[in-house]
PDB file of N, CA and C in Angstrom:
ATOM      1  N   MET A   1       9.067  35.777  37.756  1.00  0.00           N
ATOM      2  CA  MET A   1       9.130  34.377  37.436  1.00  0.00           C
ATOM      3  C   MET A   1       9.358  34.256  35.940  1.00  0.00           C
ATOM      4  N   LEU A   2      10.223  33.331  35.568  1.00  0.00           N
ATOM      5  CA  LEU A   2      10.538  33.091  34.164  1.00  0.00           C
ATOM      6  C   LEU A   2      10.090  31.687  33.778  1.00  0.00           C
ATOM      7  N   ASP A   3       9.387  31.582  32.667  1.00  0.00           N
ATOM      8  CA  ASP A   3       8.942  30.303  32.114  1.00  0.00           C
ATOM      9  C   ASP A   3      10.027  29.801  31.175  1.00  0.00           C
ATOM     10  N   LEU A   4      10.711  28.737  31.586  1.00  0.00           N
ATOM     11  CA  LEU A   4      11.846  28.214  30.819  1.00  0.00           C
ATOM     12  C   LEU A   4      11.471  27.068  29.895  1.00  0.00           C
ATOM     13  N   ARG A   5      10.216  26.666  29.879  1.00  0.00           N
ATOM     14  CA  ARG A   5       9.837  25.442  29.174  1.00  0.00           C
ATOM     15  C   ARG A   5      10.216  25.425  27.701  1.00  0.00           C
ATOM     16  N   GLU A   6      10.252  26.581  27.052  1.00  0.00           N
ATOM     17  CA  GLU A   6      10.594  26.614  25.626  1.00  0.00           C
ATOM     18  C   GLU A   6      12.077  26.864  25.359  1.00  0.00           C
ATOM     19  N   VAL A   7      12.852  27.159  26.427  1.00  0.00           N
ATOM     20  CA  VAL A   7      14.256  27.514  26.211  1.00  0.00           C
ATOM     21  C   VAL A   7      15.250  26.641  26.981  1.00  0.00           C
ATOM     22  N   ALA A   8      14.771  25.761  27.844  1.00  0.00           N
ATOM     23  CA  ALA A   8      15.668  24.910  28.629  1.00  0.00           C
ATOM     24  C   ALA A   8      14.979  23.587  28.942  1.00  0.00           C
ATOM     25  N   SER A   9      15.785  22.566  29.199  1.00  0.00           N
ATOM     26  CA  SER A   9      15.216  21.260  29.519  1.00  0.00           C
ATOM     27  C   SER A   9      15.433  20.860  30.982  1.00  0.00           C
ATOM     28  N   PHE A  10      16.219  21.608  31.732  1.00  0.00           N
ATOM     29  CA  PHE A  10      16.554  21.224  33.097  1.00  0.00           C
ATOM     30  C   PHE A  10      15.548  21.694  34.140  1.00  0.00           C
ATOM     31  N   ALA A  11      14.686  22.653  33.790  1.00  0.00           N
ATOM     32  CA  ALA A  11      13.665  23.156  34.708  1.00  0.00           C
ATOM     33  C   ALA A  11      12.576  23.841  33.902  1.00  0.00           C
ATOM     34  N   ASP A  12      11.403  23.944  34.505  1.00  0.00           N
ATOM     35  CA  ASP A  12      10.294  24.624  33.839  1.00  0.00           C
ATOM     36  C   ASP A  12      10.249  26.116  34.181  1.00  0.00           C
ATOM     37  N   TYR A  13      10.598  26.457  35.413  1.00  0.00           N
ATOM     38  CA  TYR A  13      10.484  27.848  35.862  1.00  0.00           C
ATOM     39  C   TYR A  13      11.655  28.248  36.736  1.00  0.00           C
ATOM     40  N   PHE A  14      12.005  29.529  36.655  1.00  0.00           N
ATOM     41  CA  PHE A  14      12.848  30.201  37.631  1.00  0.00           C
ATOM     42  C   PHE A  14      11.940  31.141  38.405  1.00  0.00           C
ATOM     43  N   VAL A  15      12.043  31.124  39.708  1.00  0.00           N
ATOM     44  CA  VAL A  15      11.403  32.128  40.553  1.00  0.00           C
ATOM     45  C   VAL A  15      12.541  32.964  41.110  1.00  0.00           C
ATOM     46  N   LEU A  16      12.486  34.271  40.895  1.00  0.00           N
ATOM     47  CA  LEU A  16      13.557  35.179  41.295  1.00  0.00           C
ATOM     48  C   LEU A  16      13.035  36.193  42.301  1.00  0.00           C
ATOM     49  N   CYS A  17      13.772  36.382  43.384  1.00  0.00           N
ATOM     50  CA  CYS A  17      13.414  37.427  44.334  1.00  0.00           C
ATOM     51  C   CYS A  17      14.679  37.916  45.027  1.00  0.00           C
ATOM     52  N   SER A  18      14.551  38.993  45.769  1.00  0.00           N
ATOM     53  CA  SER A  18      15.700  39.611  46.426  1.00  0.00           C
ATOM     54  C   SER A  18      15.391  39.894  47.882  1.00  0.00           C
ATOM     55  N   GLY A  19      16.452  39.869  48.677  1.00  0.00           N
ATOM     56  CA  GLY A  19      16.394  40.303  50.062  1.00  0.00           C
ATOM     57  C   GLY A  19      17.432  41.386  50.271  1.00  0.00           C
ATOM     58  N   THR A  20      17.300  42.114  51.361  1.00  0.00           N
ATOM     59  CA  THR A  20      18.195  43.250  51.577  1.00  0.00           C
ATOM     60  C   THR A  20      19.422  42.914  52.422  1.00  0.00           C
ATOM     61  N   ASN A  21      19.387  41.772  53.124  1.00  0.00           N
ATOM     62  CA  ASN A  21      20.528  41.376  53.941  1.00  0.00           C
ATOM     63  C   ASN A  21      20.487  39.859  54.142  1.00  0.00           C
ATOM     64  N   PRO A  22      21.592  39.263  54.612  1.00  0.00           N
ATOM     65  CA  PRO A  22      21.625  37.800  54.747  1.00  0.00           C
ATOM     66  C   PRO A  22      20.511  37.215  55.605  1.00  0.00           C
ATOM     67  N   ARG A  23      20.184  37.852  56.705  1.00  0.00           N
ATOM     68  CA  ARG A  23      19.101  37.325  57.559  1.00  0.00           C
ATOM     69  C   ARG A  23      17.763  37.323  56.830  1.00  0.00           C
ATOM     70  N   GLN A  24      17.499  38.378  56.089  1.00  0.00           N
ATOM     71  CA  GLN A  24      16.243  38.420  55.348  1.00  0.00           C
ATOM     72  C   GLN A  24      16.232  37.366  54.245  1.00  0.00           C
ATOM     73  N   ILE A  25      17.340  37.178  53.576  1.00  0.00           N
ATOM     74  CA  ILE A  25      17.434  36.161  52.526  1.00  0.00           C
ATOM     75  C   ILE A  25      17.204  34.774  53.121  1.00  0.00           C
ATOM     76  N   GLN A  26      17.788  34.514  54.283  1.00  0.00           N
ATOM     77  CA  GLN A  26      17.554  33.234  54.949  1.00  0.00           C
ATOM     78  C   GLN A  26      16.102  33.092  55.390  1.00  0.00           C
ATOM     79  N   ALA A  27      15.505  34.168  55.878  1.00  0.00           N
ATOM     80  CA  ALA A  27      14.101  34.130  56.295  1.00  0.00           C
ATOM     81  C   ALA A  27      13.177  33.871  55.101  1.00  0.00           C
ATOM     82  N   ILE A  28      13.461  34.478  53.972  1.00  0.00           N
ATOM     83  CA  ILE A  28      12.675  34.229  52.756  1.00  0.00           C
ATOM     84  C   ILE A  28      12.801  32.766  52.358  1.00  0.00           C
ATOM     85  N   THR A  29      14.031  32.262  52.387  1.00  0.00           N
ATOM     86  CA  THR A  29      14.271  30.855  52.053  1.00  0.00           C
ATOM     87  C   THR A  29      13.502  29.938  52.998  1.00  0.00           C
ATOM     88  N   ASP A  30      13.576  30.216  54.287  1.00  0.00           N
ATOM     89  CA  ASP A  30      12.879  29.398  55.282  1.00  0.00           C
ATOM     90  C   ASP A  30      11.370  29.407  55.062  1.00  0.00           C
ATOM     91  N   GLU A  31      10.820  30.562  54.771  1.00  0.00           N
ATOM     92  CA  GLU A  31       9.364  30.660  54.586  1.00  0.00           C
ATOM     93  C   GLU A  31       8.919  29.952  53.309  1.00  0.00           C
ATOM     94  N   ILE A  32       9.672  30.097  52.246  1.00  0.00           N
ATOM     95  CA  ILE A  32       9.346  29.375  51.014  1.00  0.00           C
ATOM     96  C   ILE A  32       9.368  27.873  51.276  1.00  0.00           C
ATOM     97  N   GLU A  33      10.423  27.411  51.955  1.00  0.00           N
ATOM     98  CA  GLU A  33      10.539  25.985  52.259  1.00  0.00           C
ATOM     99  C   GLU A  33       9.371  25.510  53.130  1.00  0.00           C
ATOM    100  N   SER A  34       8.996  26.308  54.116  1.00  0.00           N
ATOM    101  CA  SER A  34       7.884  25.949  54.998  1.00  0.00           C
ATOM    102  C   SER A  34       6.557  25.881  54.249  1.00  0.00           C
ATOM    103  N   GLN A  35       6.300  26.879  53.425  1.00  0.00           N
ATOM    104  CA  GLN A  35       5.036  26.915  52.671  1.00  0.00           C
ATOM    105  C   GLN A  35       4.948  25.767  51.678  1.00  0.00           C
ATOM    106  N   LEU A  36       6.035  25.473  50.990  1.00  0.00           N
ATOM    107  CA  LEU A  36       6.020  24.373  50.022  1.00  0.00           C
ATOM    108  C   LEU A  36       5.950  23.019  50.714  1.00  0.00           C
ATOM    109  N   LYS A  37       6.568  22.905  51.886  1.00  0.00           N
ATOM    110  CA  LYS A  37       6.483  21.669  52.660  1.00  0.00           C
ATOM    111  C   LYS A  37       5.027  21.385  53.030  1.00  0.00           C
ATOM    112  N   ASN A  38       4.279  22.439  53.385  1.00  0.00           N
ATOM    113  CA  ASN A  38       2.858  22.293  53.698  1.00  0.00           C
ATOM    114  C   ASN A  38       2.063  21.762  52.511  1.00  0.00           C
ATOM    115  N   LEU A  39       2.587  21.975  51.299  1.00  0.00           N
ATOM    116  CA  LEU A  39       1.943  21.489  50.072  1.00  0.00           C
ATOM    117  C   LEU A  39       2.525  20.146  49.624  1.00  0.00           C
ATOM    118  N   GLY A  40       3.417  19.586  50.437  1.00  0.00           N
ATOM    119  CA  GLY A  40       4.024  18.300  50.101  1.00  0.00           C
ATOM    120  C   GLY A  40       5.192  18.384  49.143  1.00  0.00           C
ATOM    121  N   GLU A  41       5.755  19.574  48.980  1.00  0.00           N
ATOM    122  CA  GLU A  41       6.899  19.788  48.090  1.00  0.00           C
ATOM    123  C   GLU A  41       8.158  19.949  48.920  1.00  0.00           C
ATOM    124  N   TYR A  42       9.211  19.208  48.548  1.00  0.00           N
ATOM    125  CA  TYR A  42      10.470  19.262  49.274  1.00  0.00           C
ATOM    126  C   TYR A  42      11.605  19.546  48.301  1.00  0.00           C
ATOM    127  N   PRO A  43      12.593  20.358  48.719  1.00  0.00           N
ATOM    128  CA  PRO A  43      13.690  20.682  47.803  1.00  0.00           C
ATOM    129  C   PRO A  43      14.605  19.489  47.576  1.00  0.00           C
ATOM    130  N   LEU A  44      15.118  19.388  46.362  1.00  0.00           N
ATOM    131  CA  LEU A  44      16.161  18.408  46.072  1.00  0.00           C
ATOM    132  C   LEU A  44      17.471  18.853  46.715  1.00  0.00           C
ATOM    133  N   SER A  45      17.694  20.164  46.717  1.00  0.00           N
ATOM    134  CA  SER A  45      18.864  20.740  47.386  1.00  0.00           C
ATOM    135  C   SER A  45      18.649  22.230  47.590  1.00  0.00           C
ATOM    136  N   ILE A  46      19.381  22.762  48.545  1.00  0.00           N
ATOM    137  CA  ILE A  46      19.418  24.206  48.784  1.00  0.00           C
ATOM    138  C   ILE A  46      20.890  24.582  48.903  1.00  0.00           C
ATOM    139  N   GLU A  47      21.319  25.489  48.075  1.00  0.00           N
ATOM    140  CA  GLU A  47      22.722  25.917  48.036  1.00  0.00           C
ATOM    141  C   GLU A  47      22.833  27.389  48.425  1.00  0.00           C
ATOM    142  N   GLY A  48      23.905  27.721  49.119  1.00  0.00           N
ATOM    143  CA  GLY A  48      24.203  29.121  49.420  1.00  0.00           C
ATOM    144  C   GLY A  48      23.523  29.677  50.651  1.00  0.00           C
ATOM    145  N   TYR A  49      22.849  28.835  51.427  1.00  0.00           N
ATOM    146  CA  TYR A  49      22.076  29.325  52.577  1.00  0.00           C
ATOM    147  C   TYR A  49      22.961  30.002  53.629  1.00  0.00           C
ATOM    148  N   ASN A  50      24.078  29.405  53.964  1.00  0.00           N
ATOM    149  CA  ASN A  50      24.918  29.959  55.038  1.00  0.00           C
ATOM    150  C   ASN A  50      25.493  31.323  54.692  1.00  0.00           C
ATOM    151  N   HIS A  51      25.954  31.484  53.476  1.00  0.00           N
ATOM    152  CA  HIS A  51      26.515  32.770  53.047  1.00  0.00           C
ATOM    153  C   HIS A  51      25.400  33.768  52.735  1.00  0.00           C
ATOM    154  N   ALA A  52      24.305  33.266  52.178  1.00  0.00           N
ATOM    155  CA  ALA A  52      23.083  34.045  51.908  1.00  0.00           C
ATOM    156  C   ALA A  52      23.306  35.273  51.033  1.00  0.00           C
ATOM    157  N   GLU A  53      24.156  35.124  50.041  1.00  0.00           N
ATOM    158  CA  GLU A  53      24.302  36.154  49.005  1.00  0.00           C
ATOM    159  C   GLU A  53      23.427  35.779  47.814  1.00  0.00           C
ATOM    160  N   TRP A  54      23.377  34.498  47.532  1.00  0.00           N
ATOM    161  CA  TRP A  54      22.519  33.945  46.486  1.00  0.00           C
ATOM    162  C   TRP A  54      22.144  32.540  46.942  1.00  0.00           C
ATOM    163  N   VAL A  55      20.902  32.343  47.294  1.00  0.00           N
ATOM    164  CA  VAL A  55      20.413  31.026  47.689  1.00  0.00           C
ATOM    165  C   VAL A  55      19.671  30.431  46.508  1.00  0.00           C
ATOM    166  N   LEU A  56      19.988  29.187  46.196  1.00  0.00           N
ATOM    167  CA  LEU A  56      19.313  28.468  45.124  1.00  0.00           C
ATOM    168  C   LEU A  56      18.609  27.264  45.738  1.00  0.00           C
ATOM    169  N   ALA A  57      17.291  27.250  45.648  1.00  0.00           N
ATOM    170  CA  ALA A  57      16.493  26.119  46.116  1.00  0.00           C
ATOM    171  C   ALA A  57      15.990  25.369  44.887  1.00  0.00           C
ATOM    172  N   ASP A  58      16.421  24.129  44.770  1.00  0.00           N
ATOM    173  CA  ASP A  58      16.091  23.301  43.610  1.00  0.00           C
ATOM    174  C   ASP A  58      14.907  22.401  43.956  1.00  0.00           C
ATOM    175  N   TYR A  59      13.778  22.668  43.314  1.00  0.00           N
ATOM    176  CA  TYR A  59      12.574  21.859  43.494  1.00  0.00           C
ATOM    177  C   TYR A  59      12.274  21.056  42.231  1.00  0.00           C
ATOM    178  N   GLY A  60      13.301  20.761  41.464  1.00  0.00           N
ATOM    179  CA  GLY A  60      13.131  19.945  40.267  1.00  0.00           C
ATOM    180  C   GLY A  60      12.621  20.751  39.092  1.00  0.00           C
ATOM    181  N   ASP A  61      11.319  20.844  38.944  1.00  0.00           N
ATOM    182  CA  ASP A  61      10.729  21.574  37.821  1.00  0.00           C
ATOM    183  C   ASP A  61      10.846  23.084  37.970  1.00  0.00           C
ATOM    184  N   TYR A  62      11.084  23.541  39.179  1.00  0.00           N
ATOM    185  CA  TYR A  62      11.271  24.972  39.370  1.00  0.00           C
ATOM    186  C   TYR A  62      12.450  25.215  40.304  1.00  0.00           C
ATOM    187  N   LEU A  63      13.197  26.248  39.964  1.00  0.00           N
ATOM    188  CA  LEU A  63      14.376  26.661  40.739  1.00  0.00           C
ATOM    189  C   LEU A  63      14.086  28.035  41.322  1.00  0.00           C
ATOM    190  N   ILE A  64      14.270  28.153  42.613  1.00  0.00           N
ATOM    191  CA  ILE A  64      13.992  29.409  43.297  1.00  0.00           C
ATOM    192  C   ILE A  64      15.324  30.059  43.650  1.00  0.00           C
ATOM    193  N   HIS A  65      15.495  31.290  43.166  1.00  0.00           N
ATOM    194  CA  HIS A  65      16.709  32.065  43.394  1.00  0.00           C
ATOM    195  C   HIS A  65      16.372  33.215  44.333  1.00  0.00           C
ATOM    196  N   ILE A  66      17.048  33.280  45.473  1.00  0.00           N
ATOM    197  CA  ILE A  66      16.868  34.388  46.400  1.00  0.00           C
ATOM    198  C   ILE A  66      18.216  35.103  46.485  1.00  0.00           C
ATOM    199  N   PHE A  67      18.255  36.313  45.957  1.00  0.00           N
ATOM    200  CA  PHE A  67      19.492  37.073  45.807  1.00  0.00           C
ATOM    201  C   PHE A  67      19.581  38.227  46.795  1.00  0.00           C
ATOM    202  N   SER A  68      20.813  38.639  47.097  1.00  0.00           N
ATOM    203  CA  SER A  68      21.022  39.983  47.622  1.00  0.00           C
ATOM    204  C   SER A  68      20.809  40.909  46.426  1.00  0.00           C
ATOM    205  N   GLU A  69      20.548  42.157  46.686  1.00  0.00           N
ATOM    206  CA  GLU A  69      20.342  43.097  45.574  1.00  0.00           C
ATOM    207  C   GLU A  69      21.604  43.191  44.709  1.00  0.00           C
ATOM    208  N   LYS A  70      22.766  43.179  45.357  1.00  0.00           N
ATOM    209  CA  LYS A  70      24.041  43.257  44.631  1.00  0.00           C
ATOM    210  C   LYS A  70      24.234  42.039  43.728  1.00  0.00           C
ATOM    211  N   ALA A  71      23.982  40.845  44.253  1.00  0.00           N
ATOM    212  CA  ALA A  71      24.158  39.617  43.464  1.00  0.00           C
ATOM    213  C   ALA A  71      23.141  39.552  42.330  1.00  0.00           C
ATOM    214  N   ARG A  72      21.922  39.994  42.590  1.00  0.00           N
ATOM    215  CA  ARG A  72      20.903  39.954  41.527  1.00  0.00           C
ATOM    216  C   ARG A  72      21.296  40.863  40.375  1.00  0.00           C
ATOM    217  N   THR A  73      21.810  42.017  40.682  1.00  0.00           N
ATOM    218  CA  THR A  73      22.269  42.932  39.635  1.00  0.00           C
ATOM    219  C   THR A  73      23.470  42.342  38.898  1.00  0.00           C
ATOM    220  N   TYR A  74      24.399  41.761  39.641  1.00  0.00           N
ATOM    221  CA  TYR A  74      25.618  41.220  39.037  1.00  0.00           C
ATOM    222  C   TYR A  74      25.312  40.044  38.097  1.00  0.00           C
ATOM    223  N   TYR A  75      24.518  39.085  38.557  1.00  0.00           N
ATOM    224  CA  TYR A  75      24.256  37.888  37.754  1.00  0.00           C
ATOM    225  C   TYR A  75      23.161  38.113  36.711  1.00  0.00           C
ATOM    226  N   ASP A  76      22.249  39.015  36.967  1.00  0.00           N
ATOM    227  CA  ASP A  76      21.232  39.457  36.000  1.00  0.00           C
ATOM    228  C   ASP A  76      20.624  38.300  35.205  1.00  0.00           C
ATOM    229  N   LEU A  77      20.030  37.347  35.919  1.00  0.00           N
ATOM    230  CA  LEU A  77      19.434  36.186  35.254  1.00  0.00           C
ATOM    231  C   LEU A  77      18.320  36.565  34.284  1.00  0.00           C
ATOM    232  N   GLU A  78      17.619  37.660  34.579  1.00  0.00           N
ATOM    233  CA  GLU A  78      16.579  38.102  33.648  1.00  0.00           C
ATOM    234  C   GLU A  78      17.173  38.428  32.275  1.00  0.00           C
ATOM    235  N   ARG A  79      18.362  39.002  32.261  1.00  0.00           N
ATOM    236  CA  ARG A  79      19.019  39.296  30.980  1.00  0.00           C
ATOM    237  C   ARG A  79      19.569  38.011  30.365  1.00  0.00           C
ATOM    238  N   LEU A  80      20.222  37.203  31.181  1.00  0.00           N
ATOM    239  CA  LEU A  80      20.815  35.966  30.696  1.00  0.00           C
ATOM    240  C   LEU A  80      19.751  35.040  30.088  1.00  0.00           C
ATOM    241  N   TRP A  81      18.582  34.998  30.673  1.00  0.00           N
ATOM    242  CA  TRP A  81      17.477  34.159  30.198  1.00  0.00           C
ATOM    243  C   TRP A  81      16.389  35.008  29.543  1.00  0.00           C
ATOM    244  N   ARG A  82      16.786  36.018  28.806  1.00  0.00           N
ATOM    245  CA  ARG A  82      15.837  36.960  28.206  1.00  0.00           C
ATOM    246  C   ARG A  82      14.894  36.287  27.199  1.00  0.00           C
ATOM    247  N   ASP A  83      15.249  35.114  26.674  1.00  0.00           N
ATOM    248  CA  ASP A  83      14.360  34.427  25.756  1.00  0.00           C
ATOM    249  C   ASP A  83      13.229  33.694  26.476  1.00  0.00           C
ATOM    250  N   ALA A  84      13.330  33.581  27.783  1.00  0.00           N
ATOM    251  CA  ALA A  84      12.255  32.958  28.573  1.00  0.00           C
ATOM    252  C   ALA A  84      11.115  33.942  28.728  1.00  0.00           C
ATOM    253  N   LYS A  85       9.905  33.421  28.790  1.00  0.00           N
ATOM    254  CA  LYS A  85       8.731  34.278  28.983  1.00  0.00           C
ATOM    255  C   LYS A  85       8.642  34.677  30.440  1.00  0.00           C
ATOM    256  N   ARG A  86       8.348  35.938  30.671  1.00  0.00           N
ATOM    257  CA  ARG A  86       8.107  36.422  32.036  1.00  0.00           C
ATOM    258  C   ARG A  86       6.659  36.089  32.417  1.00  0.00           C
ATOM    259  N   VAL A  87       6.494  35.623  33.627  1.00  0.00           N
ATOM    260  CA  VAL A  87       5.178  35.244  34.116  1.00  0.00           C
ATOM    261  C   VAL A  87       4.807  36.205  35.237  1.00  0.00           C
ATOM    262  N   ALA A  88       3.644  36.833  35.115  1.00  0.00           N
ATOM    263  CA  ALA A  88       3.169  37.740  36.164  1.00  0.00           C
ATOM    264  C   ALA A  88       2.817  36.919  37.399  1.00  0.00           C
ATOM    265  N   TRP A  89       3.236  37.392  38.541  1.00  0.00           N
ATOM    266  CA  TRP A  89       2.981  36.664  39.780  1.00  0.00           C
ATOM    267  C   TRP A  89       1.682  37.108  40.364  1.00  0.00           C
TER     268      TRP A  89
END
C-alpha cells in the first residue's frame, strides 16, 4: 500500500496486489468489492475487469490495483510513485 497524501491530490492511497491468472484477479476483485460493500463502501468505478490484466477499483480516496504479475512488473507503480510512503499492511 502506498500513502499518496503528500505526493498527489487525486487519492490518498494506492492498494497494490497481484493475481496469477485472470480468474484469480477477478476473484480478488470480487472479494474486495464484497468485503468493502459489507462496510458500506462502494466503488465509483471498476475498470479492466473483463480482460483482468490490470483491474482498477476506484473508491475515491483509495484506488485498488489488482495486476497480473506481468502487468505489475511492466507498469511498476511502486517505482513510478517512489516518493509515496509505503504502508505496512
